[in-house]
């Protein structure tokens, strides 16, 4: 399954956000995802399986629990592929960086308190 296809699903993106913070047991992931998305444990398990099979997550047994960890390999591959397109948006974002810096400088001059 193509990496972009895997990540088009909001539930899987949210699971990756959780795993990017730290490793989680399948029960911890299920609790968060069920609360936020209102889906069942089998549905969460299906998303975890897709992430595992596509290389975005790894799992290891810890007693009766399954501990999931994010694997950044597919994201690095996506980043490398996107590199060829960065020139199309970098030159547009550079002026934004300049304006943000100007706004911060102006704010500091207007409000000299630490």
PDB file of N, CA and C in Angstrom:
ATOM      1  N   UNK A   1       0.854  -1.175   0.000  1.00  0.00           N
ATOM      2  CA  UNK A   1       0.000   0.000   0.000  1.00  0.00           C
ATOM      3  C   UNK A   1       0.901   1.240   0.000  1.00  0.00           C
ATOM      4  N   UNK A   2       0.600   2.185  -0.844  1.00  0.00           N
ATOM      5  CA  UNK A   2       1.386   3.409  -0.967  1.00  0.00           C
ATOM      6  C   UNK A   2       1.269   4.256   0.303  1.00  0.00           C
ATOM      7  N   UNK A   3       2.364   4.889   0.691  1.00  0.00           N
ATOM      8  CA  UNK A   3       2.405   5.647   1.948  1.00  0.00           C
ATOM      9  C   UNK A   3       1.343   6.740   2.006  1.00  0.00           C
ATOM     10  N   UNK A   4       1.128   7.446   0.912  1.00  0.00           N
ATOM     11  CA  UNK A   4       0.118   8.506   0.919  1.00  0.00           C
ATOM     12  C   UNK A   4      -1.282   7.922   1.075  1.00  0.00           C
ATOM     13  N   UNK A   5      -1.490   6.755   0.515  1.00  0.00           N
ATOM     14  CA  UNK A   5      -2.780   6.077   0.670  1.00  0.00           C
ATOM     15  C   UNK A   5      -3.006   5.713   2.137  1.00  0.00           C
ATOM     16  N   UNK A   6      -1.955   5.259   2.786  1.00  0.00           N
ATOM     17  CA  UNK A   6      -2.047   4.895   4.209  1.00  0.00           C
ATOM     18  C   UNK A   6      -2.410   6.118   5.037  1.00  0.00           C
ATOM     19  N   UNK A   7      -1.772   7.245   4.749  1.00  0.00           N
ATOM     20  CA  UNK A   7      -1.945   8.438   5.583  1.00  0.00           C
ATOM     21  C   UNK A   7      -3.136   9.312   5.196  1.00  0.00           C
ATOM     22  N   UNK A   8      -3.865   8.931   4.173  1.00  0.00           N
ATOM     23  CA  UNK A   8      -5.046   9.737   3.841  1.00  0.00           C
ATOM     24  C   UNK A   8      -6.141   9.567   4.884  1.00  0.00           C
ATOM     25  N   UNK A   9      -6.049   8.523   5.667  1.00  0.00           N
ATOM     26  CA  UNK A   9      -7.046   8.204   6.687  1.00  0.00           C
ATOM     27  C   UNK A   9      -6.737   8.974   7.977  1.00  0.00           C
ATOM     28  N   UNK A  10      -7.640   9.842   8.454  1.00  0.00           N
ATOM     29  CA  UNK A  10      -7.386  10.640   9.660  1.00  0.00           C
ATOM     30  C   UNK A  10      -7.108   9.805  10.910  1.00  0.00           C
ATOM     31  N   UNK A  11      -7.733   8.652  11.023  1.00  0.00           N
ATOM     32  CA  UNK A  11      -7.493   7.810  12.205  1.00  0.00           C
ATOM     33  C   UNK A  11      -6.039   7.348  12.222  1.00  0.00           C
ATOM     34  N   UNK A  12      -5.528   6.939  11.067  1.00  0.00           N
ATOM     35  CA  UNK A  12      -4.135   6.481  11.020  1.00  0.00           C
ATOM     36  C   UNK A  12      -3.170   7.631  11.264  1.00  0.00           C
ATOM     37  N   UNK A  13      -3.479   8.805  10.750  1.00  0.00           N
ATOM     38  CA  UNK A  13      -2.611   9.961  11.024  1.00  0.00           C
ATOM     39  C   UNK A  13      -2.585  10.263  12.520  1.00  0.00           C
ATOM     40  N   UNK A  14      -3.739  10.168  13.167  1.00  0.00           N
ATOM     41  CA  UNK A  14      -3.805  10.429  14.612  1.00  0.00           C
ATOM     42  C   UNK A  14      -3.034   9.376  15.396  1.00  0.00           C
ATOM     43  N   UNK A  15      -3.137   8.122  14.980  1.00  0.00           N
ATOM     44  CA  UNK A  15      -2.367   7.067  15.650  1.00  0.00           C
ATOM     45  C   UNK A  15      -0.877   7.356  15.516  1.00  0.00           C
ATOM     46  N   UNK A  16      -0.443   7.779  14.340  1.00  0.00           N
ATOM     47  CA  UNK A  16       0.975   8.115  14.169  1.00  0.00           C
ATOM     48  C   UNK A  16       1.388   9.278  15.062  1.00  0.00           C
ATOM     49  N   UNK A  17       0.509  10.251  15.225  1.00  0.00           N
ATOM     50  CA  UNK A  17       0.815  11.356  16.143  1.00  0.00           C
ATOM     51  C   UNK A  17       1.042  10.830  17.552  1.00  0.00           C
ATOM     52  N   UNK A  18       0.193   9.916  17.978  1.00  0.00           N
ATOM     53  CA  UNK A  18       0.366   9.317  19.313  1.00  0.00           C
ATOM     54  C   UNK A  18       1.688   8.578  19.411  1.00  0.00           C
ATOM     55  N   UNK A  19       1.994   7.792  18.389  1.00  0.00           N
ATOM     56  CA  UNK A  19       3.222   7.005  18.421  1.00  0.00           C
ATOM     57  C   UNK A  19       4.463   7.872  18.276  1.00  0.00           C
ATOM     58  N   UNK A  20       4.321   9.032  17.649  1.00  0.00           N
ATOM     59  CA  UNK A  20       5.455   9.954  17.532  1.00  0.00           C
ATOM     60  C   UNK A  20       5.817  10.532  18.898  1.00  0.00           C
ATOM     61  N   UNK A  21       4.812  10.667  19.772  1.00  0.00           N
ATOM     62  CA  UNK A  21       5.061  11.173  21.129  1.00  0.00           C
ATOM     63  C   UNK A  21       5.830  10.144  21.951  1.00  0.00           C
ATOM     64  N   UNK A  22       5.367   8.890  21.895  1.00  0.00           N
ATOM     65  CA  UNK A  22       6.008   7.799  22.630  1.00  0.00           C
ATOM     66  C   UNK A  22       5.343   6.490  22.228  1.00  0.00           C
ATOM     67  N   UNK A  23       5.963   5.398  22.621  1.00  0.00           N
ATOM     68  CA  UNK A  23       5.333   4.117  22.328  1.00  0.00           C
ATOM     69  C   UNK A  23       4.083   3.963  23.180  1.00  0.00           C
ATOM     70  N   UNK A  24       3.124   3.214  22.650  1.00  0.00           N
ATOM     71  CA  UNK A  24       1.845   3.003  23.324  1.00  0.00           C
ATOM     72  C   UNK A  24       1.426   1.553  23.174  1.00  0.00           C
ATOM     73  N   UNK A  25       0.732   1.070  24.169  1.00  0.00           N
ATOM     74  CA  UNK A  25       0.132  -0.253  24.036  1.00  0.00           C
ATOM     75  C   UNK A  25      -1.081  -0.129  23.120  1.00  0.00           C
ATOM     76  N   UNK A  26      -1.498  -1.256  22.572  1.00  0.00           N
ATOM     77  CA  UNK A  26      -2.682  -1.229  21.709  1.00  0.00           C
ATOM     78  C   UNK A  26      -3.898  -0.750  22.502  1.00  0.00           C
ATOM     79  N   UNK A  27      -3.974  -1.090  23.776  1.00  0.00           N
ATOM     80  CA  UNK A  27      -5.081  -0.629  24.610  1.00  0.00           C
ATOM     81  C   UNK A  27      -5.079   0.878  24.794  1.00  0.00           C
ATOM     82  N   UNK A  28      -3.893   1.472  24.963  1.00  0.00           N
ATOM     83  CA  UNK A  28      -3.809   2.928  25.103  1.00  0.00           C
ATOM     84  C   UNK A  28      -4.237   3.618  23.806  1.00  0.00           C
ATOM     85  N   UNK A  29      -3.761   3.084  22.695  1.00  0.00           N
ATOM     86  CA  UNK A  29      -4.146   3.654  21.395  1.00  0.00           C
ATOM     87  C   UNK A  29      -5.652   3.542  21.211  1.00  0.00           C
ATOM     88  N   UNK A  30      -6.198   2.379  21.502  1.00  0.00           N
ATOM     89  CA  UNK A  30      -7.633   2.161  21.344  1.00  0.00           C
ATOM     90  C   UNK A  30      -8.438   3.128  22.204  1.00  0.00           C
ATOM     91  N   UNK A  31      -8.009   3.344  23.437  1.00  0.00           N
ATOM     92  CA  UNK A  31      -8.744   4.245  24.325  1.00  0.00           C
ATOM     93  C   UNK A  31      -8.812   5.658  23.749  1.00  0.00           C
ATOM     94  N   UNK A  32      -7.693   6.160  23.252  1.00  0.00           N
ATOM     95  CA  UNK A  32      -7.661   7.518  22.704  1.00  0.00           C
ATOM     96  C   UNK A  32      -8.475   7.596  21.422  1.00  0.00           C
ATOM     97  N   UNK A  33      -8.237   6.657  20.520  1.00  0.00           N
ATOM     98  CA  UNK A  33      -8.897   6.703  19.214  1.00  0.00           C
ATOM     99  C   UNK A  33     -10.399   6.471  19.341  1.00  0.00           C
ATOM    100  N   UNK A  34     -10.797   5.549  20.185  1.00  0.00           N
ATOM    101  CA  UNK A  34     -12.230   5.290  20.384  1.00  0.00           C
ATOM    102  C   UNK A  34     -12.927   6.539  20.913  1.00  0.00           C
ATOM    103  N   UNK A  35     -12.262   7.229  21.830  1.00  0.00           N
ATOM    104  CA  UNK A  35     -12.844   8.450  22.396  1.00  0.00           C
ATOM    105  C   UNK A  35     -12.928   9.567  21.350  1.00  0.00           C
ATOM    106  N   UNK A  36     -11.859   9.743  20.591  1.00  0.00           N
ATOM    107  CA  UNK A  36     -11.815  10.850  19.637  1.00  0.00           C
ATOM    108  C   UNK A  36     -12.622  10.603  18.368  1.00  0.00           C
ATOM    109  N   UNK A  37     -12.664   9.349  17.911  1.00  0.00           N
ATOM    110  CA  UNK A  37     -13.309   9.054  16.633  1.00  0.00           C
ATOM    111  C   UNK A  37     -14.578   8.227  16.771  1.00  0.00           C
ATOM    112  N   UNK A  38     -14.822   7.698  17.975  1.00  0.00           N
ATOM    113  CA  UNK A  38     -16.031   6.913  18.189  1.00  0.00           C
ATOM    114  C   UNK A  38     -16.042   5.602  17.426  1.00  0.00           C
ATOM    115  N   UNK A  39     -14.882   4.974  17.282  1.00  0.00           N
ATOM    116  CA  UNK A  39     -14.834   3.693  16.577  1.00  0.00           C
ATOM    117  C   UNK A  39     -14.506   2.571  17.558  1.00  0.00           C
ATOM    118  N   UNK A  40     -14.747   1.352  17.149  1.00  0.00           N
ATOM    119  CA  UNK A  40     -14.594   0.194  18.021  1.00  0.00           C
ATOM    120  C   UNK A  40     -13.150  -0.302  18.068  1.00  0.00           C
ATOM    121  N   UNK A  41     -12.887  -1.163  19.042  1.00  0.00           N
ATOM    122  CA  UNK A  41     -11.556  -1.758  19.184  1.00  0.00           C
ATOM    123  C   UNK A  41     -11.148  -2.538  17.929  1.00  0.00           C
ATOM    124  N   UNK A  42     -12.037  -3.336  17.324  1.00  0.00           N
ATOM    125  CA  UNK A  42     -11.629  -4.029  16.092  1.00  0.00           C
ATOM    126  C   UNK A  42     -11.250  -3.065  14.962  1.00  0.00           C
ATOM    127  N   UNK A  43     -11.935  -1.932  14.878  1.00  0.00           N
ATOM    128  CA  UNK A  43     -11.602  -0.949  13.846  1.00  0.00           C
ATOM    129  C   UNK A  43     -10.229  -0.332  14.115  1.00  0.00           C
ATOM    130  N   UNK A  44      -9.935  -0.036  15.375  1.00  0.00           N
ATOM    131  CA  UNK A  44      -8.617   0.504  15.728  1.00  0.00           C
ATOM    132  C   UNK A  44      -7.547  -0.535  15.417  1.00  0.00           C
ATOM    133  N   UNK A  45      -7.814  -1.787  15.731  1.00  0.00           N
ATOM    134  CA  UNK A  45      -6.862  -2.861  15.445  1.00  0.00           C
ATOM    135  C   UNK A  45      -6.570  -2.960  13.952  1.00  0.00           C
ATOM    136  N   UNK A  46      -7.594  -2.750  13.130  1.00  0.00           N
ATOM    137  CA  UNK A  46      -7.402  -2.781  11.685  1.00  0.00           C
ATOM    138  C   UNK A  46      -6.458  -1.664  11.246  1.00  0.00           C
ATOM    139  N   UNK A  47      -6.629  -0.469  11.808  1.00  0.00           N
ATOM    140  CA  UNK A  47      -5.754   0.651  11.466  1.00  0.00           C
ATOM    141  C   UNK A  47      -4.324   0.391  11.942  1.00  0.00           C
ATOM    142  N   UNK A  48      -4.187  -0.180  13.130  1.00  0.00           N
ATOM    143  CA  UNK A  48      -2.849  -0.526  13.617  1.00  0.00           C
ATOM    144  C   UNK A  48      -2.193  -1.558  12.699  1.00  0.00           C
ATOM    145  N   UNK A  49      -2.963  -2.514  12.231  1.00  0.00           N
ATOM    146  CA  UNK A  49      -2.425  -3.528  11.327  1.00  0.00           C
ATOM    147  C   UNK A  49      -1.949  -2.892  10.021  1.00  0.00           C
ATOM    148  N   UNK A  50      -2.733  -1.965   9.471  1.00  0.00           N
ATOM    149  CA  UNK A  50      -2.341  -1.279   8.239  1.00  0.00           C
ATOM    150  C   UNK A  50      -1.041  -0.516   8.462  1.00  0.00           C
ATOM    151  N   UNK A  51      -0.935   0.180   9.581  1.00  0.00           N
ATOM    152  CA  UNK A  51       0.296   0.927   9.877  1.00  0.00           C
ATOM    153  C   UNK A  51       1.485  -0.011  10.026  1.00  0.00           C
ATOM    154  N   UNK A  52       1.262  -1.140  10.660  1.00  0.00           N
ATOM    155  CA  UNK A  52       2.330  -2.125  10.850  1.00  0.00           C
ATOM    156  C   UNK A  52       2.748  -2.736   9.510  1.00  0.00           C
ATOM    157  N   UNK A  53       1.786  -3.155   8.715  1.00  0.00           N
ATOM    158  CA  UNK A  53       2.085  -3.812   7.445  1.00  0.00           C
ATOM    159  C   UNK A  53       2.697  -2.862   6.418  1.00  0.00           C
ATOM    160  N   UNK A  54       2.414  -1.576   6.545  1.00  0.00           N
ATOM    161  CA  UNK A  54       2.977  -0.596   5.618  1.00  0.00           C
ATOM    162  C   UNK A  54       4.304  -0.028   6.114  1.00  0.00           C
ATOM    163  N   UNK A  55       4.742  -0.464   7.284  1.00  0.00           N
ATOM    164  CA  UNK A  55       6.049  -0.059   7.795  1.00  0.00           C
ATOM    165  C   UNK A  55       6.062   1.191   8.644  1.00  0.00           C
ATOM    166  N   UNK A  56       4.901   1.791   8.897  1.00  0.00           N
ATOM    167  CA  UNK A  56       4.844   3.006   9.704  1.00  0.00           C
ATOM    168  C   UNK A  56       4.958   2.721  11.201  1.00  0.00           C
ATOM    169  N   UNK A  57       4.674   1.501  11.604  1.00  0.00           N
ATOM    170  CA  UNK A  57       4.705   1.148  13.029  1.00  0.00           C
ATOM    171  C   UNK A  57       5.305  -0.245  13.185  1.00  0.00           C
ATOM    172  N   UNK A  58       5.909  -0.439  14.333  1.00  0.00           N
ATOM    173  CA  UNK A  58       6.388  -1.765  14.710  1.00  0.00           C
ATOM    174  C   UNK A  58       5.686  -2.150  15.999  1.00  0.00           C
ATOM    175  N   UNK A  59       5.643  -3.443  16.267  1.00  0.00           N
ATOM    176  CA  UNK A  59       4.975  -3.920  17.473  1.00  0.00           C
ATOM    177  C   UNK A  59       5.865  -4.964  18.125  1.00  0.00           C
ATOM    178  N   UNK A  60       5.843  -4.964  19.436  1.00  0.00           N
ATOM    179  CA  UNK A  60       6.560  -5.991  20.178  1.00  0.00           C
ATOM    180  C   UNK A  60       5.675  -6.457  21.323  1.00  0.00           C
ATOM    181  N   UNK A  61       5.724  -7.755  21.622  1.00  0.00           N
ATOM    182  CA  UNK A  61       4.934  -8.255  22.750  1.00  0.00           C
ATOM    183  C   UNK A  61       5.605  -7.893  24.068  1.00  0.00           C
ATOM    184  N   UNK A  62       4.782  -7.573  25.028  1.00  0.00           N
ATOM    185  CA  UNK A  62       5.256  -7.314  26.393  1.00  0.00           C
ATOM    186  C   UNK A  62       4.237  -7.978  27.315  1.00  0.00           C
ATOM    187  N   UNK A  63       4.484  -9.223  27.635  1.00  0.00           N
ATOM    188  CA  UNK A  63       3.484  -9.997  28.361  1.00  0.00           C
ATOM    189  C   UNK A  63       2.274 -10.188  27.473  1.00  0.00           C
ATOM    190  N   UNK A  64       1.114  -9.866  27.986  1.00  0.00           N
ATOM    191  CA  UNK A  64      -0.121  -9.990  27.203  1.00  0.00           C
ATOM    192  C   UNK A  64      -0.376  -8.754  26.339  1.00  0.00           C
ATOM    193  N   UNK A  65       0.397  -7.701  26.552  1.00  0.00           N
ATOM    194  CA  UNK A  65       0.195  -6.446  25.813  1.00  0.00           C
ATOM    195  C   UNK A  65       1.012  -6.422  24.531  1.00  0.00           C
ATOM    196  N   UNK A  66       0.570  -5.610  23.600  1.00  0.00           N
ATOM    197  CA  UNK A  66       1.311  -5.344  22.371  1.00  0.00           C
ATOM    198  C   UNK A  66       1.684  -3.874  22.384  1.00  0.00           C
ATOM    199  N   UNK A  67       2.979  -3.603  22.289  1.00  0.00           N
ATOM    200  CA  UNK A  67       3.478  -2.236  22.357  1.00  0.00           C
ATOM    201  C   UNK A  67       3.831  -1.767  20.945  1.00  0.00           C
ATOM    202  N   UNK A  68       3.237  -0.645  20.553  1.00  0.00           N
ATOM    203  CA  UNK A  68       3.453  -0.085  19.224  1.00  0.00           C
ATOM    204  C   UNK A  68       4.415   1.094  19.296  1.00  0.00           C
ATOM    205  N   UNK A  69       5.289   1.148  18.306  1.00  0.00           N
ATOM    206  CA  UNK A  69       6.268   2.219  18.177  1.00  0.00           C
ATOM    207  C   UNK A  69       6.227   2.707  16.734  1.00  0.00           C
ATOM    208  N   UNK A  70       6.416   3.987  16.530  1.00  0.00           N
ATOM    209  CA  UNK A  70       6.442   4.538  15.183  1.00  0.00           C
ATOM    210  C   UNK A  70       7.769   4.208  14.517  1.00  0.00           C
ATOM    211  N   UNK A  71       7.710   3.919  13.241  1.00  0.00           N
ATOM    212  CA  UNK A  71       8.903   3.721  12.427  1.00  0.00           C
ATOM    213  C   UNK A  71       8.918   4.848  11.398  1.00  0.00           C
ATOM    214  N   UNK A  72       9.940   5.664  11.422  1.00  0.00           N
ATOM    215  CA  UNK A  72      10.000   6.840  10.547  1.00  0.00           C
ATOM    216  C   UNK A  72      10.457   6.556   9.129  1.00  0.00           C
ATOM    217  N   UNK A  73      10.784   5.311   8.820  1.00  0.00           N
ATOM    218  CA  UNK A  73      11.271   4.986   7.480  1.00  0.00           C
ATOM    219  C   UNK A  73      10.364   5.436   6.354  1.00  0.00           C
ATOM    220  N   UNK A  74       9.086   5.067   6.376  1.00  0.00           N
ATOM    221  CA  UNK A  74       8.203   5.504   5.291  1.00  0.00           C
ATOM    222  C   UNK A  74       8.051   7.024   5.218  1.00  0.00           C
ATOM    223  N   UNK A  75       8.099   7.699   6.361  1.00  0.00           N
ATOM    224  CA  UNK A  75       8.007   9.166   6.338  1.00  0.00           C
ATOM    225  C   UNK A  75       9.251   9.760   5.700  1.00  0.00           C
ATOM    226  N   UNK A  76      10.405   9.166   5.952  1.00  0.00           N
ATOM    227  CA  UNK A  76      11.645   9.636   5.327  1.00  0.00           C
ATOM    228  C   UNK A  76      11.574   9.446   3.815  1.00  0.00           C
ATOM    229  N   UNK A  77      11.006   8.321   3.381  1.00  0.00           N
ATOM    230  CA  UNK A  77      10.836   8.081   1.945  1.00  0.00           C
ATOM    231  C   UNK A  77       9.896   9.108   1.332  1.00  0.00           C
ATOM    232  N   UNK A  78       8.809   9.430   2.038  1.00  0.00           N
ATOM    233  CA  UNK A  78       7.868  10.443   1.553  1.00  0.00           C
ATOM    234  C   UNK A  78       8.554  11.799   1.471  1.00  0.00           C
ATOM    235  N   UNK A  79       9.330  12.120   2.487  1.00  0.00           N
ATOM    236  CA  UNK A  79      10.046  13.393   2.523  1.00  0.00           C
ATOM    237  C   UNK A  79      11.021  13.492   1.352  1.00  0.00           C
ATOM    238  N   UNK A  80      11.732  12.398   1.071  1.00  0.00           N
ATOM    239  CA  UNK A  80      12.675  12.389  -0.052  1.00  0.00           C
ATOM    240  C   UNK A  80      11.937  12.598  -1.377  1.00  0.00           C
ATOM    241  N   UNK A  81      10.793  11.957  -1.528  1.00  0.00           N
ATOM    242  CA  UNK A  81      10.019  12.116  -2.754  1.00  0.00           C
ATOM    243  C   UNK A  81       9.508  13.551  -2.888  1.00  0.00           C
ATOM    244  N   UNK A  82       9.054  14.131  -1.776  1.00  0.00           N
ATOM    245  CA  UNK A  82       8.528  15.500  -1.801  1.00  0.00           C
ATOM    246  C   UNK A  82       9.613  16.538  -2.069  1.00  0.00           C
ATOM    247  N   UNK A  83      10.863  16.187  -1.830  1.00  0.00           N
ATOM    248  CA  UNK A  83      11.978  17.126  -2.007  1.00  0.00           C
ATOM    249  C   UNK A  83      11.949  17.764  -3.398  1.00  0.00           C
ATOM    250  N   UNK A  84      11.602  16.999  -4.397  1.00  0.00           N
ATOM    251  CA  UNK A  84      11.595  17.525  -5.767  1.00  0.00           C
ATOM    252  C   UNK A  84      10.564  18.636  -5.971  1.00  0.00           C
ATOM    253  N   UNK A  85       9.601  18.731  -5.078  1.00  0.00           N
ATOM    254  CA  UNK A  85       8.546  19.726  -5.217  1.00  0.00           C
ATOM    255  C   UNK A  85       8.734  20.936  -4.302  1.00  0.00           C
ATOM    256  N   UNK A  86       9.694  20.875  -3.405  1.00  0.00           N
ATOM    257  CA  UNK A  86       9.870  21.953  -2.428  1.00  0.00           C
ATOM    258  C   UNK A  86      10.159  23.304  -3.069  1.00  0.00           C
ATOM    259  N   UNK A  87      10.819  23.305  -4.200  1.00  0.00           N
ATOM    260  CA  UNK A  87      11.117  24.585  -4.848  1.00  0.00           C
ATOM    261  C   UNK A  87       9.842  25.332  -5.221  1.00  0.00           C
ATOM    262  N   UNK A  88       8.745  24.608  -5.395  1.00  0.00           N
ATOM    263  CA  UNK A  88       7.486  25.252  -5.756  1.00  0.00           C
ATOM    264  C   UNK A  88       6.848  26.000  -4.597  1.00  0.00           C
ATOM    265  N   UNK A  89       7.165  25.596  -3.360  1.00  0.00           N
ATOM    266  CA  UNK A  89       6.554  26.315  -2.246  1.00  0.00           C
ATOM    267  C   UNK A  89       7.565  27.045  -1.368  1.00  0.00           C
ATOM    268  N   UNK A  90       8.838  26.672  -1.409  1.00  0.00           N
ATOM    269  CA  UNK A  90       9.834  27.353  -0.571  1.00  0.00           C
ATOM    270  C   UNK A  90       9.901  28.841  -0.863  1.00  0.00           C
ATOM    271  N   UNK A  91       9.943  29.202  -2.146  1.00  0.00           N
ATOM    272  CA  UNK A  91      10.050  30.624  -2.474  1.00  0.00           C
ATOM    273  C   UNK A  91       8.796  31.394  -2.055  1.00  0.00           C
ATOM    274  N   UNK A  92       7.695  30.711  -1.910  1.00  0.00           N
ATOM    275  CA  UNK A  92       6.469  31.371  -1.439  1.00  0.00           C
ATOM    276  C   UNK A  92       6.448  31.478   0.085  1.00  0.00           C
ATOM    277  N   UNK A  93       7.100  30.551   0.753  1.00  0.00           N
ATOM    278  CA  UNK A  93       7.113  30.578   2.215  1.00  0.00           C
ATOM    279  C   UNK A  93       8.175  31.523   2.767  1.00  0.00           C
ATOM    280  N   UNK A  94       9.230  31.780   2.016  1.00  0.00           N
ATOM    281  CA  UNK A  94      10.285  32.677   2.499  1.00  0.00           C
ATOM    282  C   UNK A  94       9.755  34.069   2.831  1.00  0.00           C
ATOM    283  N   UNK A  95       8.919  34.684   1.988  1.00  0.00           N
ATOM    284  CA  UNK A  95       8.353  35.987   2.360  1.00  0.00           C
ATOM    285  C   UNK A  95       7.477  35.902   3.618  1.00  0.00           C
ATOM    286  N   UNK A  96       6.805  34.794   3.807  1.00  0.00           N
ATOM    287  CA  UNK A  96       6.004  34.611   5.014  1.00  0.00           C
ATOM    288  C   UNK A  96       6.904  34.611   6.245  1.00  0.00           C
ATOM    289  N   UNK A  97       8.030  33.914   6.181  1.00  0.00           N
ATOM    290  CA  UNK A  97       8.994  33.932   7.282  1.00  0.00           C
ATOM    291  C   UNK A  97       9.439  35.358   7.600  1.00  0.00           C
ATOM    292  N   UNK A  98       9.682  36.144   6.554  1.00  0.00           N
ATOM    293  CA  UNK A  98      10.114  37.531   6.745  1.00  0.00           C
ATOM    294  C   UNK A  98       9.030  38.338   7.449  1.00  0.00           C
ATOM    295  N   UNK A  99       7.786  38.178   7.023  1.00  0.00           N
ATOM    296  CA  UNK A  99       6.682  38.920   7.643  1.00  0.00           C
ATOM    297  C   UNK A  99       6.462  38.497   9.095  1.00  0.00           C
ATOM    298  N   UNK A 100       6.607  37.239   9.378  1.00  0.00           N
ATOM    299  CA  UNK A 100       6.463  36.771  10.757  1.00  0.00           C
ATOM    300  C   UNK A 100       7.551  37.389  11.626  1.00  0.00           C
ATOM    301  N   UNK A 101       8.772  37.405  11.129  1.00  0.00           N
ATOM    302  CA  UNK A 101       9.880  38.002  11.877  1.00  0.00           C
ATOM    303  C   UNK A 101       9.650  39.491  12.095  1.00  0.00           C
ATOM    304  N   UNK A 102       9.137  40.192  11.090  1.00  0.00           N
ATOM    305  CA  UNK A 102       8.843  41.624  11.233  1.00  0.00           C
ATOM    306  C   UNK A 102       7.767  41.840  12.298  1.00  0.00           C
ATOM    307  N   UNK A 103       6.747  41.002  12.276  1.00  0.00           N
ATOM    308  CA  UNK A 103       5.680  41.124  13.273  1.00  0.00           C
ATOM    309  C   UNK A 103       6.200  40.910  14.683  1.00  0.00           C
ATOM    310  N   UNK A 104       7.073  39.934  14.872  1.00  0.00           N
ATOM    311  CA  UNK A 104       7.660  39.693  16.191  1.00  0.00           C
ATOM    312  C   UNK A 104       8.508  40.870  16.637  1.00  0.00           C
ATOM    313  N   UNK A 105       9.276  41.414  15.712  1.00  0.00           N
ATOM    314  CA  UNK A 105      10.139  42.560  16.038  1.00  0.00           C
ATOM    315  C   UNK A 105       9.289  43.766  16.424  1.00  0.00           C
ATOM    316  N   UNK A 106       8.223  44.000  15.653  1.00  0.00           N
ATOM    317  CA  UNK A 106       7.318  45.116  15.951  1.00  0.00           C
ATOM    318  C   UNK A 106       6.678  44.950  17.327  1.00  0.00           C
ATOM    319  N   UNK A 107       6.262  43.735  17.628  1.00  0.00           N
ATOM    320  CA  UNK A 107       5.617  43.453  18.906  1.00  0.00           C
ATOM    321  C   UNK A 107       6.578  43.712  20.060  1.00  0.00           C
ATOM    322  N   UNK A 108       7.839  43.304  19.905  1.00  0.00           N
ATOM    323  CA  UNK A 108       8.839  43.552  20.948  1.00  0.00           C
ATOM    324  C   UNK A 108       9.060  45.044  21.142  1.00  0.00           C
ATOM    325  N   UNK A 109       9.077  45.814  20.054  1.00  0.00           N
ATOM    326  CA  UNK A 109       9.281  47.256  20.174  1.00  0.00           C
ATOM    327  C   UNK A 109       8.091  47.940  20.835  1.00  0.00           C
ATOM    328  N   UNK A 110       6.884  47.434  20.571  1.00  0.00           N
ATOM    329  CA  UNK A 110       5.673  48.018  21.143  1.00  0.00           C
ATOM    330  C   UNK A 110       5.479  47.603  22.595  1.00  0.00           C
ATOM    331  N   UNK A 111       5.918  46.430  22.952  1.00  0.00           N
ATOM    332  CA  UNK A 111       5.740  45.901  24.303  1.00  0.00           C
ATOM    333  C   UNK A 111       7.112  45.494  24.861  1.00  0.00           C
ATOM    334  N   UNK A 112       7.835  46.482  25.438  1.00  0.00           N
ATOM    335  CA  UNK A 112       9.207  46.202  25.900  1.00  0.00           C
ATOM    336  C   UNK A 112       9.294  45.359  27.175  1.00  0.00           C
ATOM    337  N   UNK A 113       8.159  45.000  27.784  1.00  0.00           N
ATOM    338  CA  UNK A 113       8.237  44.207  29.016  1.00  0.00           C
ATOM    339  C   UNK A 113       8.715  42.800  28.703  1.00  0.00           C
ATOM    340  N   UNK A 114       9.498  42.188  29.613  1.00  0.00           N
ATOM    341  CA  UNK A 114      10.065  40.850  29.347  1.00  0.00           C
ATOM    342  C   UNK A 114       9.053  39.760  29.353  1.00  0.00           C
TER     343      UNK A 114
END
